[in-house]
Amino acid sequence: MTIHKEGTATISLTALFVSLLNLANFSYLFPVSLVGAWAVFVITLAFFLFIVSFFRMPNRQLTINDSSIIAPADGKVVVIEEVQPDEFYTDKRIQISVFMSPANVHVNRLPIAGNIIYNQYHPGKFLVAWHPKSSTDNERWSVVIENSKGSILCKQIAGALARRICNYSSVGQSFNQCDEYGFIKFGSRVDLLLPVGAKIHTKIGDAVQGGVTVLASW
């Protein structure tokens, strides 16, 4: 397991904060309350370890299959439905949404190999990520990747806690299947808009792993 590059500054600042807090804790609270001082230490240590775990990148055997559409993120499938897209496409698509809690790995991966033909950032609200309107009203970043089989729109959506979407792709770039293309901090979701003819291999409530779980096939 490694730590994602997006975590460097956050982990460093958290470590500094926890260190200074516990320096004051054991300098002033420890002589007054032994139990209280150790309680503060345990709580702050747990908080630091949580921050570190949030930016973890576990080693995985990624699923590479030209006929498969792979989960773009870790989390739970919360939406599978036919929708009329609000951008790029004019025809109906199948939306699959994966909700990421703060405890999930937050690396975002592309579900298929191909070329980026659309890349658009949208400022917006910060509704809870499972809210029905979060796909259209929240801050989000949409990318369309295309290959010989078709195209898929991948939408990174900020949640109530998430305040920063990182996207590493640009129009004209080529990616392999399951390549990392983004990261969302502290809880959010990713929507995929698939062709109506795609065969779905998941169901609502399923726990999925980014880069591993097959969501659908062409």
Protein backbone atom coordinates (compact mmCIF):
# COMPACT_ATOMS: atom_id res chain seq x y z
CA MET A 1 0.00 0.00 0.00
CA THR A 2 1.17 3.52 -0.79
CA ILE A 3 -0.07 7.03 0.05
CA HIS A 4 -1.62 9.12 -2.71
CA LYS A 5 0.18 12.30 -3.77
CA GLU A 6 -2.92 14.36 -2.89
CA GLY A 7 -2.41 13.43 0.75
CA THR A 8 1.09 14.87 1.20
CA ALA A 9 0.09 18.37 2.32
CA THR A 10 -2.98 17.26 4.31
CA ILE A 11 -1.11 14.53 6.19
CA SER A 12 1.81 16.87 6.94
CA LEU A 13 -0.46 19.60 8.31
CA THR A 14 -2.44 17.06 10.35
CA ALA A 15 0.76 15.61 11.80
CA LEU A 16 1.92 19.12 12.78
CA PHE A 17 -1.44 19.92 14.36
CA VAL A 18 -1.58 16.64 16.31
CA SER A 19 2.03 17.04 17.48
CA LEU A 20 1.52 20.60 18.74
CA LEU A 21 -1.77 19.69 20.39
CA ASN A 22 -0.21 16.77 22.24
CA LEU A 23 2.81 18.82 23.22
CA ALA A 24 0.45 21.22 24.94
CA ASN A 25 -1.65 18.29 26.16
CA PHE A 26 1.20 16.58 28.03
CA SER A 27 2.67 19.87 29.20
CA TYR A 28 -0.49 21.26 30.78
CA LEU A 29 -3.25 18.63 31.01
CA PHE A 30 -1.10 15.64 32.00
CA PRO A 31 -0.21 17.04 35.48
CA VAL A 32 -3.89 17.77 36.10
CA SER A 33 -5.56 14.66 34.67
CA LEU A 34 -3.65 11.57 33.60
CA VAL A 35 -6.78 9.96 32.14
CA GLY A 36 -7.76 13.13 30.29
CA ALA A 37 -4.31 13.57 28.76
CA TRP A 38 -4.18 10.00 27.48
CA ALA A 39 -7.74 10.29 26.16
CA VAL A 40 -6.76 13.35 24.11
CA PHE A 41 -3.69 11.50 22.82
CA VAL A 42 -5.69 8.44 21.74
CA ILE A 43 -8.38 10.55 20.03
CA THR A 44 -5.88 12.69 18.13
CA LEU A 45 -3.82 9.66 17.12
CA ALA A 46 -6.96 7.95 15.81
CA PHE A 47 -7.82 11.10 13.85
CA PHE A 48 -4.34 11.20 12.32
CA LEU A 49 -4.49 7.54 11.32
CA PHE A 50 -7.91 8.12 9.74
CA ILE A 51 -6.51 10.96 7.63
CA VAL A 52 -3.60 8.75 6.53
CA SER A 53 -5.95 5.87 5.67
CA PHE A 54 -8.13 8.17 3.58
CA PHE A 55 -5.27 8.74 1.15
CA ARG A 56 -4.24 5.09 0.96
CA MET A 57 -3.66 3.35 -2.37
CA PRO A 58 -3.86 -0.42 -1.80
CA ASN A 59 -2.04 -2.76 -4.16
CA ARG A 60 -4.58 -4.49 -6.40
CA GLN A 61 -4.80 -6.79 -9.36
CA LEU A 62 -6.70 -4.55 -11.77
CA THR A 63 -9.30 -6.00 -14.14
CA ILE A 64 -8.31 -5.45 -17.77
CA ASN A 65 -10.89 -6.60 -20.33
CA ASP A 66 -11.90 -4.75 -23.49
CA SER A 67 -15.46 -6.05 -23.23
CA SER A 68 -15.92 -4.97 -19.59
CA ILE A 69 -16.79 -1.65 -17.99
CA ILE A 70 -14.98 -1.46 -14.65
CA ALA A 71 -15.98 0.37 -11.46
CA PRO A 72 -14.40 3.86 -11.39
CA ALA A 73 -14.20 4.02 -7.59
CA ASP A 74 -14.60 2.11 -4.35
CA GLY A 75 -17.99 2.33 -2.66
CA LYS A 76 -21.60 1.25 -2.92
CA VAL A 77 -23.82 1.23 -5.99
CA VAL A 78 -26.70 3.60 -5.19
CA VAL A 79 -28.27 4.26 -8.61
CA ILE A 80 -28.95 2.13 -11.70
CA GLU A 81 -31.48 3.79 -13.97
CA GLU A 82 -32.18 5.09 -17.46
CA VAL A 83 -31.72 8.86 -17.63
CA GLN A 84 -31.81 11.75 -20.07
CA PRO A 85 -28.30 13.29 -19.73
CA ASP A 86 -27.94 16.99 -18.99
CA GLU A 87 -24.69 17.33 -20.98
CA PHE A 88 -22.81 15.94 -23.98
CA TYR A 89 -25.32 13.22 -24.94
CA THR A 90 -28.75 13.85 -26.43
CA ASP A 91 -29.92 10.23 -26.32
CA LYS A 92 -30.89 8.34 -23.16
CA ARG A 93 -28.20 6.55 -21.20
CA ILE A 94 -27.93 4.09 -18.30
CA GLN A 95 -26.61 5.78 -15.16
CA ILE A 96 -24.68 3.79 -12.57
CA SER A 97 -23.67 5.76 -9.48
CA VAL A 98 -21.07 4.67 -6.91
CA PHE A 99 -21.21 6.44 -3.53
CA MET A 100 -17.90 6.79 -1.69
CA SER A 101 -17.96 7.20 2.08
CA PRO A 102 -15.00 8.88 3.86
CA ALA A 103 -13.76 5.38 4.74
CA ASN A 104 -13.43 4.28 1.10
CA VAL A 105 -10.38 4.54 -1.15
CA HIS A 106 -10.95 7.73 -3.15
CA VAL A 107 -8.81 7.15 -6.24
CA ASN A 108 -10.88 7.45 -9.42
CA ARG A 109 -10.11 5.17 -12.37
CA LEU A 110 -11.33 5.12 -15.96
CA PRO A 111 -13.73 2.22 -16.67
CA ILE A 112 -12.47 1.61 -20.21
CA ALA A 113 -9.42 2.35 -22.33
CA GLY A 114 -9.68 5.13 -24.90
CA ASN A 115 -9.27 8.79 -25.75
CA ILE A 116 -10.65 11.73 -23.78
CA ILE A 117 -13.02 13.62 -26.08
CA TYR A 118 -14.75 15.83 -23.49
CA ASN A 119 -13.58 17.40 -20.22
CA GLN A 120 -15.70 19.95 -18.36
CA TYR A 121 -15.66 21.30 -14.78
CA HIS A 122 -18.97 22.54 -13.32
CA PRO A 123 -19.11 24.66 -10.14
CA GLY A 124 -22.13 23.94 -7.97
CA LYS A 125 -23.65 23.10 -4.61
CA PHE A 126 -22.50 20.61 -1.98
CA LEU A 127 -25.61 18.52 -1.38
CA VAL A 128 -25.09 15.13 0.25
CA ALA A 129 -23.76 12.80 -2.43
CA TRP A 130 -26.78 10.46 -2.35
CA HIS A 131 -29.22 13.33 -2.98
CA PRO A 132 -31.07 12.78 -6.32
CA LYS A 133 -30.08 16.27 -7.56
CA SER A 134 -26.38 15.97 -6.66
CA SER A 135 -25.64 14.69 -10.19
CA THR A 136 -26.88 17.93 -11.75
CA ASP A 137 -26.62 20.56 -8.97
CA ASN A 138 -23.38 19.75 -7.13
CA GLU A 139 -19.84 20.73 -8.02
CA ARG A 140 -18.75 18.12 -10.54
CA TRP A 141 -16.24 17.26 -13.23
CA SER A 142 -17.35 15.40 -16.34
CA VAL A 143 -15.09 13.42 -18.68
CA VAL A 144 -16.06 11.38 -21.74
CA ILE A 145 -13.75 8.56 -22.81
CA GLU A 146 -14.24 6.89 -26.19
CA ASN A 147 -12.92 3.82 -27.98
CA SER A 148 -14.03 1.60 -30.87
CA LYS A 149 -16.87 0.11 -28.81
CA GLY A 150 -18.43 3.44 -27.81
CA SER A 151 -18.12 6.18 -25.22
CA ILE A 152 -18.82 6.60 -21.51
CA LEU A 153 -19.29 9.78 -19.50
CA CYS A 154 -17.60 9.66 -16.08
CA LYS A 155 -18.83 12.31 -13.65
CA GLN A 156 -16.93 13.08 -10.41
CA ILE A 157 -19.38 14.67 -7.96
CA ALA A 158 -18.50 16.53 -4.77
CA GLY A 159 -20.52 15.75 -1.63
CA ALA A 160 -21.36 17.60 1.59
CA LEU A 161 -17.83 17.08 2.95
CA ALA A 162 -15.88 17.03 -0.31
CA ARG A 163 -14.57 20.43 -1.29
CA ARG A 164 -11.99 19.52 -3.88
CA ILE A 165 -12.21 17.43 -7.04
CA CYS A 166 -8.88 16.56 -8.66
CA ASN A 167 -8.90 15.63 -12.33
CA TYR A 168 -5.75 14.68 -14.23
CA SER A 169 -7.20 14.26 -17.73
CA SER A 170 -7.51 16.59 -20.71
CA VAL A 171 -9.07 16.37 -24.16
CA GLY A 172 -6.87 14.42 -26.56
CA GLN A 173 -5.18 12.25 -23.93
CA SER A 174 -5.20 8.46 -24.25
CA PHE A 175 -5.65 6.22 -21.21
CA ASN A 176 -5.45 2.52 -20.52
CA GLN A 177 -8.34 0.81 -18.78
CA CYS A 178 -8.29 1.40 -14.99
CA ASP A 179 -5.72 4.19 -15.23
CA GLU A 180 -6.08 6.76 -12.47
CA TYR A 181 -7.62 9.99 -13.75
CA GLY A 182 -8.74 11.77 -10.59
CA PHE A 183 -9.30 11.94 -6.84
CA ILE A 184 -12.08 13.42 -4.68
CA LYS A 185 -11.41 14.39 -1.09
CA PHE A 186 -13.60 13.28 1.82
CA GLY A 187 -16.70 11.52 0.56
CA SER A 188 -18.55 11.88 -2.72
CA ARG A 189 -19.67 9.83 -5.71
CA VAL A 190 -18.92 8.96 -9.32
CA ASP A 191 -21.61 8.56 -11.98
CA LEU A 192 -21.14 6.59 -15.19
CA LEU A 193 -23.41 7.16 -18.19
CA LEU A 194 -23.41 4.02 -20.35
CA PRO A 195 -25.11 3.16 -23.65
CA VAL A 196 -28.64 1.85 -23.15
CA GLY A 197 -27.60 -1.46 -24.70
CA ALA A 198 -24.91 -2.16 -22.09
CA LYS A 199 -25.37 -5.37 -20.09
CA ILE A 200 -25.41 -4.56 -16.36
CA HIS A 201 -23.60 -6.94 -14.00
CA THR A 202 -24.20 -5.16 -10.70
CA LYS A 203 -27.20 -4.17 -8.58
CA ILE A 204 -28.09 -1.42 -6.12
CA GLY A 205 -26.42 -1.99 -2.76
CA ASP A 206 -23.41 -3.86 -4.13
CA ALA A 207 -20.02 -2.93 -2.66
CA VAL A 208 -17.54 -2.42 -5.50
CA GLN A 209 -13.80 -1.85 -5.85
CA GLY A 210 -12.41 0.72 -8.24
CA GLY A 211 -10.39 -0.87 -11.02
CA VAL A 212 -11.53 -4.36 -10.04
CA THR A 213 -15.31 -4.87 -10.10
CA VAL A 214 -17.05 -5.34 -13.45
CA LEU A 215 -20.13 -3.10 -13.53
CA ALA A 216 -21.26 -3.81 -17.09
CA SER A 217 -20.16 -5.06 -20.48
CA TRP A 218 -20.58 -3.92 -24.08
